[in-house]
C-alpha cells in the first residue's frame, strides 16, 4: 500500500487519513487540511487491492474504529471518524 503524501508547511501533528475517492466528506477533510497548510498522508481505500483493503480493515478493527470514512489518525494515537471540524481543529492545535 502506497499512501499519497500531501505536502504542507505544518508537519505536526502527523496525520494519516483513510478515505474513499468518491466520498464528499473525505474531500472536505482533505480540503480543510490543505487550507490550513497541513502535511498529511492518505489512502483511498476503494483504490487499493482487496488484500490491502483487508489489511486496512484489520488495522481499523484493532483501533476499535468504525468502518466509516474519513478516518483521521493523529500522531498514531488519536482517531477521528468523520468530518468533525471541531475535533480536527482541536487535534491540530494540541
PDB file of N, CA and C in Angstrom:
ATOM      1  N   UNK A   1       0.850  -1.171   0.000  1.00  0.00           N
ATOM      2  CA  UNK A   1       0.000   0.000   0.000  1.00  0.00           C
ATOM      3  C   UNK A   1       0.898   1.238   0.000  1.00  0.00           C
ATOM      4  N   UNK A   2       0.690   2.112  -0.949  1.00  0.00           N
ATOM      5  CA  UNK A   2       1.489   3.322  -1.063  1.00  0.00           C
ATOM      6  C   UNK A   2       0.633   4.550  -0.773  1.00  0.00           C
ATOM      7  N   UNK A   3       0.768   5.108   0.423  1.00  0.00           N
ATOM      8  CA  UNK A   3      -0.017   6.303   0.742  1.00  0.00           C
ATOM      9  C   UNK A   3       0.395   7.486  -0.129  1.00  0.00           C
ATOM     10  N   UNK A   4      -0.554   8.348  -0.399  1.00  0.00           N
ATOM     11  CA  UNK A   4      -0.288   9.588  -1.123  1.00  0.00           C
ATOM     12  C   UNK A   4       0.170  10.610  -0.091  1.00  0.00           C
ATOM     13  N   UNK A   5       1.286  11.282  -0.382  1.00  0.00           N
ATOM     14  CA  UNK A   5       1.811  12.294   0.531  1.00  0.00           C
ATOM     15  C   UNK A   5       1.409  13.669   0.017  1.00  0.00           C
ATOM     16  N   UNK A   6       0.809  14.453   0.903  1.00  0.00           N
ATOM     17  CA  UNK A   6       0.432  15.823   0.578  1.00  0.00           C
ATOM     18  C   UNK A   6       1.326  16.728   1.401  1.00  0.00           C
ATOM     19  N   UNK A   7       2.065  17.568   0.721  1.00  0.00           N
ATOM     20  CA  UNK A   7       2.995  18.444   1.421  1.00  0.00           C
ATOM     21  C   UNK A   7       2.263  19.660   1.970  1.00  0.00           C
ATOM     22  N   UNK A   8       2.777  20.150   3.076  1.00  0.00           N
ATOM     23  CA  UNK A   8       2.234  21.346   3.693  1.00  0.00           C
ATOM     24  C   UNK A   8       3.271  21.933   4.614  1.00  0.00           C
ATOM     25  N   UNK A   9       3.113  23.208   4.951  1.00  0.00           N
ATOM     26  CA  UNK A   9       4.110  23.857   5.815  1.00  0.00           C
ATOM     27  C   UNK A   9       4.022  23.353   7.252  1.00  0.00           C
ATOM     28  N   UNK A  10       2.848  22.875   7.658  1.00  0.00           N
ATOM     29  CA  UNK A  10       2.655  22.367   9.021  1.00  0.00           C
ATOM     30  C   UNK A  10       2.763  20.848   9.022  1.00  0.00           C
ATOM     31  N   UNK A  11       3.834  20.357   9.610  1.00  0.00           N
ATOM     32  CA  UNK A  11       4.080  18.909   9.596  1.00  0.00           C
ATOM     33  C   UNK A  11       3.691  18.236  10.913  1.00  0.00           C
ATOM     34  N   UNK A  12       3.287  19.031  11.887  1.00  0.00           N
ATOM     35  CA  UNK A  12       2.857  18.482  13.178  1.00  0.00           C
ATOM     36  C   UNK A  12       1.465  18.965  13.470  1.00  0.00           C
ATOM     37  N   UNK A  13       0.603  18.129  13.947  1.00  0.00           N
ATOM     38  CA  UNK A  13       0.828  16.719  14.240  1.00  0.00           C
ATOM     39  C   UNK A  13       0.896  15.890  12.951  1.00  0.00           C
ATOM     40  N   UNK A  14       1.385  14.672  13.106  1.00  0.00           N
ATOM     41  CA  UNK A  14       1.443  13.731  11.983  1.00  0.00           C
ATOM     42  C   UNK A  14       0.018  13.239  11.717  1.00  0.00           C
ATOM     43  N   UNK A  15      -0.409  13.368  10.467  1.00  0.00           N
ATOM     44  CA  UNK A  15      -1.778  12.992  10.106  1.00  0.00           C
ATOM     45  C   UNK A  15      -1.788  11.914   9.030  1.00  0.00           C
ATOM     46  N   UNK A  16      -2.620  10.911   9.255  1.00  0.00           N
ATOM     47  CA  UNK A  16      -2.832   9.858   8.260  1.00  0.00           C
ATOM     48  C   UNK A  16      -4.327   9.684   8.096  1.00  0.00           C
ATOM     49  N   UNK A  17      -4.785   9.668   6.845  1.00  0.00           N
ATOM     50  CA  UNK A  17      -6.208   9.552   6.560  1.00  0.00           C
ATOM     51  C   UNK A  17      -6.515   8.282   5.788  1.00  0.00           C
ATOM     52  N   UNK A  18      -7.599   7.638   6.181  1.00  0.00           N
ATOM     53  CA  UNK A  18      -8.193   6.586   5.364  1.00  0.00           C
ATOM     54  C   UNK A  18      -9.436   7.218   4.754  1.00  0.00           C
ATOM     55  N   UNK A  19      -9.509   7.233   3.429  1.00  0.00           N
ATOM     56  CA  UNK A  19     -10.599   7.896   2.740  1.00  0.00           C
ATOM     57  C   UNK A  19     -11.119   7.029   1.602  1.00  0.00           C
ATOM     58  N   UNK A  20     -12.181   7.503   0.984  1.00  0.00           N
ATOM     59  CA  UNK A  20     -12.712   6.906  -0.236  1.00  0.00           C
ATOM     60  C   UNK A  20     -12.659   7.976  -1.316  1.00  0.00           C
ATOM     61  N   UNK A  21     -12.307   7.597  -2.523  1.00  0.00           N
ATOM     62  CA  UNK A  21     -12.151   8.571  -3.607  1.00  0.00           C
ATOM     63  C   UNK A  21     -13.473   9.239  -3.983  1.00  0.00           C
ATOM     64  N   UNK A  22     -14.588   8.589  -3.696  1.00  0.00           N
ATOM     65  CA  UNK A  22     -15.898   9.104  -4.084  1.00  0.00           C
ATOM     66  C   UNK A  22     -16.642   9.791  -2.948  1.00  0.00           C
ATOM     67  N   UNK A  23     -16.023   9.892  -1.785  1.00  0.00           N
ATOM     68  CA  UNK A  23     -16.682  10.394  -0.573  1.00  0.00           C
ATOM     69  C   UNK A  23     -16.571  11.918  -0.476  1.00  0.00           C
ATOM     70  N   UNK A  24     -17.702  12.589  -0.428  1.00  0.00           N
ATOM     71  CA  UNK A  24     -17.729  14.037  -0.309  1.00  0.00           C
ATOM     72  C   UNK A  24     -17.115  14.537   0.986  1.00  0.00           C
ATOM     73  N   UNK A  25     -17.370  13.828   2.095  1.00  0.00           N
ATOM     74  CA  UNK A  25     -16.814  14.229   3.396  1.00  0.00           C
ATOM     75  C   UNK A  25     -15.307  14.035   3.422  1.00  0.00           C
ATOM     76  N   UNK A  26     -14.831  13.025   2.712  1.00  0.00           N
ATOM     77  CA  UNK A  26     -13.384  12.795   2.611  1.00  0.00           C
ATOM     78  C   UNK A  26     -12.725  13.953   1.855  1.00  0.00           C
ATOM     79  N   UNK A  27     -13.367  14.382   0.781  1.00  0.00           N
ATOM     80  CA  UNK A  27     -12.840  15.502   0.000  1.00  0.00           C
ATOM     81  C   UNK A  27     -12.829  16.774   0.835  1.00  0.00           C
ATOM     82  N   UNK A  28     -13.898  16.995   1.630  1.00  0.00           N
ATOM     83  CA  UNK A  28     -13.952  18.170   2.505  1.00  0.00           C
ATOM     84  C   UNK A  28     -12.826  18.128   3.535  1.00  0.00           C
ATOM     85  N   UNK A  29     -12.546  16.956   4.064  1.00  0.00           N
ATOM     86  CA  UNK A  29     -11.477  16.810   5.055  1.00  0.00           C
ATOM     87  C   UNK A  29     -10.133  17.154   4.444  1.00  0.00           C
ATOM     88  N   UNK A  30      -9.857  16.629   3.264  1.00  0.00           N
ATOM     89  CA  UNK A  30      -8.590  16.922   2.578  1.00  0.00           C
ATOM     90  C   UNK A  30      -8.467  18.422   2.298  1.00  0.00           C
ATOM     91  N   UNK A  31      -9.553  19.029   1.843  1.00  0.00           N
ATOM     92  CA  UNK A  31      -9.550  20.461   1.551  1.00  0.00           C
ATOM     93  C   UNK A  31      -9.336  21.279   2.836  1.00  0.00           C
ATOM     94  N   UNK A  32      -9.989  20.864   3.908  1.00  0.00           N
ATOM     95  CA  UNK A  32      -9.860  21.517   5.209  1.00  0.00           C
ATOM     96  C   UNK A  32      -8.401  21.511   5.667  1.00  0.00           C
ATOM     97  N   UNK A  33      -7.741  20.365   5.545  1.00  0.00           N
ATOM     98  CA  UNK A  33      -6.340  20.248   5.954  1.00  0.00           C
ATOM     99  C   UNK A  33      -5.434  21.062   5.029  1.00  0.00           C
ATOM    100  N   UNK A  34      -5.717  21.025   3.742  1.00  0.00           N
ATOM    101  CA  UNK A  34      -4.923  21.788   2.773  1.00  0.00           C
ATOM    102  C   UNK A  34      -5.028  23.286   3.060  1.00  0.00           C
ATOM    103  N   UNK A  35      -6.241  23.763   3.351  1.00  0.00           N
ATOM    104  CA  UNK A  35      -6.456  25.178   3.653  1.00  0.00           C
ATOM    105  C   UNK A  35      -5.675  25.629   4.882  1.00  0.00           C
ATOM    106  N   UNK A  36      -5.363  24.699   5.762  1.00  0.00           N
ATOM    107  CA  UNK A  36      -4.611  25.007   6.980  1.00  0.00           C
ATOM    108  C   UNK A  36      -3.117  24.727   6.825  1.00  0.00           C
ATOM    109  N   UNK A  37      -2.717  24.373   5.607  1.00  0.00           N
ATOM    110  CA  UNK A  37      -1.303  24.141   5.328  1.00  0.00           C
ATOM    111  C   UNK A  37      -0.740  22.893   5.982  1.00  0.00           C
ATOM    112  N   UNK A  38      -1.605  21.913   6.230  1.00  0.00           N
ATOM    113  CA  UNK A  38      -1.178  20.693   6.912  1.00  0.00           C
ATOM    114  C   UNK A  38      -0.589  19.687   5.922  1.00  0.00           C
ATOM    115  N   UNK A  39       0.519  19.091   6.311  1.00  0.00           N
ATOM    116  CA  UNK A  39       1.065  17.945   5.578  1.00  0.00           C
ATOM    117  C   UNK A  39       0.329  16.708   6.100  1.00  0.00           C
ATOM    118  N   UNK A  40       0.014  15.794   5.211  1.00  0.00           N
ATOM    119  CA  UNK A  40      -0.637  14.556   5.638  1.00  0.00           C
ATOM    120  C   UNK A  40      -0.444  13.484   4.583  1.00  0.00           C
ATOM    121  N   UNK A  41      -0.759  12.274   4.964  1.00  0.00           N
ATOM    122  CA  UNK A  41      -0.748  11.147   4.033  1.00  0.00           C
ATOM    123  C   UNK A  41      -2.137  10.541   4.034  1.00  0.00           C
ATOM    124  N   UNK A  42      -2.508   9.969   2.900  1.00  0.00           N
ATOM    125  CA  UNK A  42      -3.816   9.315   2.853  1.00  0.00           C
ATOM    126  C   UNK A  42      -3.803   8.132   1.903  1.00  0.00           C
ATOM    127  N   UNK A  43      -4.784   7.272   2.126  1.00  0.00           N
ATOM    128  CA  UNK A  43      -5.027   6.136   1.246  1.00  0.00           C
ATOM    129  C   UNK A  43      -6.513   6.141   0.906  1.00  0.00           C
ATOM    130  N   UNK A  44      -6.821   6.158  -0.388  1.00  0.00           N
ATOM    131  CA  UNK A  44      -8.199   5.959  -0.833  1.00  0.00           C
ATOM    132  C   UNK A  44      -8.449   4.451  -0.814  1.00  0.00           C
ATOM    133  N   UNK A  45      -9.179   4.003   0.173  1.00  0.00           N
ATOM    134  CA  UNK A  45      -9.353   2.566   0.418  1.00  0.00           C
ATOM    135  C   UNK A  45     -10.037   1.873  -0.764  1.00  0.00           C
ATOM    136  N   UNK A  46     -10.853   2.598  -1.511  1.00  0.00           N
ATOM    137  CA  UNK A  46     -11.524   1.984  -2.657  1.00  0.00           C
ATOM    138  C   UNK A  46     -10.602   1.843  -3.874  1.00  0.00           C
ATOM    139  N   UNK A  47      -9.398   2.393  -3.796  1.00  0.00           N
ATOM    140  CA  UNK A  47      -8.460   2.308  -4.924  1.00  0.00           C
ATOM    141  C   UNK A  47      -7.263   1.403  -4.650  1.00  0.00           C
ATOM    142  N   UNK A  48      -7.337   0.609  -3.612  1.00  0.00           N
ATOM    143  CA  UNK A  48      -6.247  -0.323  -3.312  1.00  0.00           C
ATOM    144  C   UNK A  48      -6.736  -1.750  -3.553  1.00  0.00           C
ATOM    145  N   UNK A  49      -5.813  -2.697  -3.523  1.00  0.00           N
ATOM    146  CA  UNK A  49      -6.185  -4.091  -3.790  1.00  0.00           C
ATOM    147  C   UNK A  49      -7.053  -4.653  -2.668  1.00  0.00           C
ATOM    148  N   UNK A  50      -7.727  -5.731  -2.961  1.00  0.00           N
ATOM    149  CA  UNK A  50      -8.578  -6.388  -1.954  1.00  0.00           C
ATOM    150  C   UNK A  50      -7.755  -6.817  -0.746  1.00  0.00           C
ATOM    151  N   UNK A  51      -6.549  -7.320  -0.976  1.00  0.00           N
ATOM    152  CA  UNK A  51      -5.692  -7.730   0.137  1.00  0.00           C
ATOM    153  C   UNK A  51      -5.319  -6.530   0.999  1.00  0.00           C
ATOM    154  N   UNK A  52      -5.008  -5.409   0.348  1.00  0.00           N
ATOM    155  CA  UNK A  52      -4.680  -4.193   1.099  1.00  0.00           C
ATOM    156  C   UNK A  52      -5.900  -3.680   1.868  1.00  0.00           C
ATOM    157  N   UNK A  53      -7.074  -3.815   1.260  1.00  0.00           N
ATOM    158  CA  UNK A  53      -8.300  -3.418   1.956  1.00  0.00           C
ATOM    159  C   UNK A  53      -8.492  -4.251   3.220  1.00  0.00           C
ATOM    160  N   UNK A  54      -8.188  -5.545   3.135  1.00  0.00           N
ATOM    161  CA  UNK A  54      -8.296  -6.417   4.307  1.00  0.00           C
ATOM    162  C   UNK A  54      -7.333  -5.966   5.405  1.00  0.00           C
ATOM    163  N   UNK A  55      -6.129  -5.540   5.011  1.00  0.00           N
ATOM    164  CA  UNK A  55      -5.149  -5.032   5.983  1.00  0.00           C
ATOM    165  C   UNK A  55      -5.668  -3.769   6.664  1.00  0.00           C
ATOM    166  N   UNK A  56      -6.259  -2.881   5.868  1.00  0.00           N
ATOM    167  CA  UNK A  56      -6.809  -1.634   6.420  1.00  0.00           C
ATOM    168  C   UNK A  56      -7.928  -1.951   7.406  1.00  0.00           C
ATOM    169  N   UNK A  57      -8.824  -2.835   7.030  1.00  0.00           N
ATOM    170  CA  UNK A  57      -9.940  -3.203   7.903  1.00  0.00           C
ATOM    171  C   UNK A  57      -9.418  -3.815   9.199  1.00  0.00           C
ATOM    172  N   UNK A  58      -8.410  -4.665   9.104  1.00  0.00           N
ATOM    173  CA  UNK A  58      -7.821  -5.271  10.304  1.00  0.00           C
ATOM    174  C   UNK A  58      -7.202  -4.195  11.199  1.00  0.00           C
ATOM    175  N   UNK A  59      -6.503  -3.245  10.595  1.00  0.00           N
ATOM    176  CA  UNK A  59      -5.890  -2.138  11.347  1.00  0.00           C
ATOM    177  C   UNK A  59      -6.954  -1.302  12.050  1.00  0.00           C
ATOM    178  N   UNK A  60      -8.035  -1.008  11.356  1.00  0.00           N
ATOM    179  CA  UNK A  60      -9.092  -0.193  11.941  1.00  0.00           C
ATOM    180  C   UNK A  60      -9.821  -0.946  13.049  1.00  0.00           C
ATOM    181  N   UNK A  61     -10.019  -2.241  12.874  1.00  0.00           N
ATOM    182  CA  UNK A  61     -10.650  -3.046  13.926  1.00  0.00           C
ATOM    183  C   UNK A  61      -9.775  -3.068  15.174  1.00  0.00           C
ATOM    184  N   UNK A  62      -8.455  -3.163  14.966  1.00  0.00           N
ATOM    185  CA  UNK A  62      -7.512  -3.164  16.082  1.00  0.00           C
ATOM    186  C   UNK A  62      -7.636  -1.851  16.887  1.00  0.00           C
ATOM    187  N   UNK A  63      -7.960  -0.774  16.195  1.00  0.00           N
ATOM    188  CA  UNK A  63      -8.105   0.538  16.837  1.00  0.00           C
ATOM    189  C   UNK A  63      -9.544   0.804  17.296  1.00  0.00           C
ATOM    190  N   UNK A  64     -10.412  -0.187  17.169  1.00  0.00           N
ATOM    191  CA  UNK A  64     -11.831  -0.037  17.501  1.00  0.00           C
ATOM    192  C   UNK A  64     -12.494   1.095  16.722  1.00  0.00           C
ATOM    193  N   UNK A  65     -12.086   1.270  15.485  1.00  0.00           N
ATOM    194  CA  UNK A  65     -12.627   2.334  14.644  1.00  0.00           C
ATOM    195  C   UNK A  65     -13.843   1.824  13.875  1.00  0.00           C
ATOM    196  N   UNK A  66     -14.836   2.672  13.720  1.00  0.00           N
ATOM    197  CA  UNK A  66     -15.973   2.274  12.870  1.00  0.00           C
ATOM    198  C   UNK A  66     -15.522   2.268  11.409  1.00  0.00           C
ATOM    199  N   UNK A  67     -16.158   1.466  10.608  1.00  0.00           N
ATOM    200  CA  UNK A  67     -15.822   1.454   9.182  1.00  0.00           C
ATOM    201  C   UNK A  67     -16.656   2.515   8.476  1.00  0.00           C
ATOM    202  N   UNK A  68     -16.317   3.748   8.757  1.00  0.00           N
ATOM    203  CA  UNK A  68     -16.954   4.920   8.152  1.00  0.00           C
ATOM    204  C   UNK A  68     -15.830   5.884   7.795  1.00  0.00           C
ATOM    205  N   UNK A  69     -15.982   6.585   6.708  1.00  0.00           N
ATOM    206  CA  UNK A  69     -14.890   7.422   6.230  1.00  0.00           C
ATOM    207  C   UNK A  69     -15.317   8.875   6.178  1.00  0.00           C
ATOM    208  N   UNK A  70     -14.378   9.784   6.344  1.00  0.00           N
ATOM    209  CA  UNK A  70     -12.942   9.616   6.515  1.00  0.00           C
ATOM    210  C   UNK A  70     -12.581   9.201   7.940  1.00  0.00           C
ATOM    211  N   UNK A  71     -11.408   8.624   8.063  1.00  0.00           N
ATOM    212  CA  UNK A  71     -10.832   8.324   9.373  1.00  0.00           C
ATOM    213  C   UNK A  71      -9.479   9.025   9.411  1.00  0.00           C
ATOM    214  N   UNK A  72      -9.284   9.834  10.441  1.00  0.00           N
ATOM    215  CA  UNK A  72      -8.034  10.575  10.601  1.00  0.00           C
ATOM    216  C   UNK A  72      -7.317  10.019  11.816  1.00  0.00           C
ATOM    217  N   UNK A  73      -6.067   9.668  11.637  1.00  0.00           N
ATOM    218  CA  UNK A  73      -5.245   9.209  12.754  1.00  0.00           C
ATOM    219  C   UNK A  73      -4.208  10.291  13.016  1.00  0.00           C
ATOM    220  N   UNK A  74      -4.240  10.805  14.238  1.00  0.00           N
ATOM    221  CA  UNK A  74      -3.383  11.915  14.641  1.00  0.00           C
ATOM    222  C   UNK A  74      -2.240  11.380  15.498  1.00  0.00           C
ATOM    223  N   UNK A  75      -1.009  11.619  15.053  1.00  0.00           N
ATOM    224  CA  UNK A  75       0.189  11.173  15.777  1.00  0.00           C
ATOM    225  C   UNK A  75       0.138   9.695  16.149  1.00  0.00           C
ATOM    226  N   UNK A  76      -0.499   8.899  15.317  1.00  0.00           N
ATOM    227  CA  UNK A  76      -0.603   7.454  15.516  1.00  0.00           C
ATOM    228  C   UNK A  76      -1.285   7.079  16.831  1.00  0.00           C
ATOM    229  N   UNK A  77      -2.017   8.032  17.438  1.00  0.00           N
ATOM    230  CA  UNK A  77      -2.673   7.777  18.720  1.00  0.00           C
ATOM    231  C   UNK A  77      -4.165   8.072  18.675  1.00  0.00           C
ATOM    232  N   UNK A  78      -4.501   9.323  18.397  1.00  0.00           N
ATOM    233  CA  UNK A  78      -5.898   9.749  18.407  1.00  0.00           C
ATOM    234  C   UNK A  78      -6.558   9.402  17.079  1.00  0.00           C
ATOM    235  N   UNK A  79      -7.821   9.012  17.143  1.00  0.00           N
ATOM    236  CA  UNK A  79      -8.568   8.662  15.943  1.00  0.00           C
ATOM    237  C   UNK A  79      -9.820   9.530  15.868  1.00  0.00           C
ATOM    238  N   UNK A  80     -10.039  10.148  14.724  1.00  0.00           N
ATOM    239  CA  UNK A  80     -11.243  10.931  14.489  1.00  0.00           C
ATOM    240  C   UNK A  80     -11.977  10.297  13.319  1.00  0.00           C
ATOM    241  N   UNK A  81     -13.215   9.912  13.548  1.00  0.00           N
ATOM    242  CA  UNK A  81     -14.015   9.283  12.498  1.00  0.00           C
ATOM    243  C   UNK A  81     -15.037  10.292  11.991  1.00  0.00           C
ATOM    244  N   UNK A  82     -15.007  10.552  10.697  1.00  0.00           N
ATOM    245  CA  UNK A  82     -15.937  11.503  10.092  1.00  0.00           C
ATOM    246  C   UNK A  82     -15.330  12.889  10.007  1.00  0.00           C
ATOM    247  N   UNK A  83     -16.021  13.765   9.289  1.00  0.00           N
ATOM    248  CA  UNK A  83     -15.571  15.145   9.149  1.00  0.00           C
ATOM    249  C   UNK A  83     -16.129  15.942  10.325  1.00  0.00           C
ATOM    250  N   UNK A  84     -15.403  15.862  11.427  1.00  0.00           N
ATOM    251  CA  UNK A  84     -15.798  16.575  12.648  1.00  0.00           C
ATOM    252  C   UNK A  84     -14.857  17.764  12.792  1.00  0.00           C
ATOM    253  N   UNK A  85     -15.288  18.876  12.235  1.00  0.00           N
ATOM    254  CA  UNK A  85     -14.454  20.068  12.120  1.00  0.00           C
ATOM    255  C   UNK A  85     -13.828  20.480  13.453  1.00  0.00           C
ATOM    256  N   UNK A  86     -14.639  20.552  14.496  1.00  0.00           N
ATOM    257  CA  UNK A  86     -14.135  20.998  15.791  1.00  0.00           C
ATOM    258  C   UNK A  86     -13.096  20.026  16.351  1.00  0.00           C
ATOM    259  N   UNK A  87     -13.348  18.742  16.259  1.00  0.00           N
ATOM    260  CA  UNK A  87     -12.398  17.739  16.751  1.00  0.00           C
ATOM    261  C   UNK A  87     -11.086  17.807  15.973  1.00  0.00           C
ATOM    262  N   UNK A  88     -11.190  18.036  14.670  1.00  0.00           N
ATOM    263  CA  UNK A  88      -9.972  18.140  13.843  1.00  0.00           C
ATOM    264  C   UNK A  88      -9.192  19.384  14.237  1.00  0.00           C
ATOM    265  N   UNK A  89      -9.885  20.511  14.374  1.00  0.00           N
ATOM    266  CA  UNK A  89      -9.229  21.765  14.788  1.00  0.00           C
ATOM    267  C   UNK A  89      -8.491  21.572  16.110  1.00  0.00           C
ATOM    268  N   UNK A  90      -9.160  20.951  17.069  1.00  0.00           N
ATOM    269  CA  UNK A  90      -8.545  20.733  18.386  1.00  0.00           C
ATOM    270  C   UNK A  90      -7.311  19.852  18.268  1.00  0.00           C
ATOM    271  N   UNK A  91      -7.379  18.832  17.444  1.00  0.00           N
ATOM    272  CA  UNK A  91      -6.234  17.929  17.260  1.00  0.00           C
ATOM    273  C   UNK A  91      -5.062  18.681  16.618  1.00  0.00           C
ATOM    274  N   UNK A  92      -5.347  19.626  15.745  1.00  0.00           N
ATOM    275  CA  UNK A  92      -4.289  20.362  15.057  1.00  0.00           C
ATOM    276  C   UNK A  92      -3.590  21.365  15.966  1.00  0.00           C
ATOM    277  N   UNK A  93      -4.274  21.782  17.009  1.00  0.00           N
ATOM    278  CA  UNK A  93      -3.702  22.825  17.882  1.00  0.00           C
ATOM    279  C   UNK A  93      -3.108  22.268  19.171  1.00  0.00           C
ATOM    280  N   UNK A  94      -3.124  20.979  19.354  1.00  0.00           N
ATOM    281  CA  UNK A  94      -2.563  20.410  20.595  1.00  0.00           C
ATOM    282  C   UNK A  94      -1.073  20.392  20.556  1.00  0.00           C
TER     283      UNK A  94
END
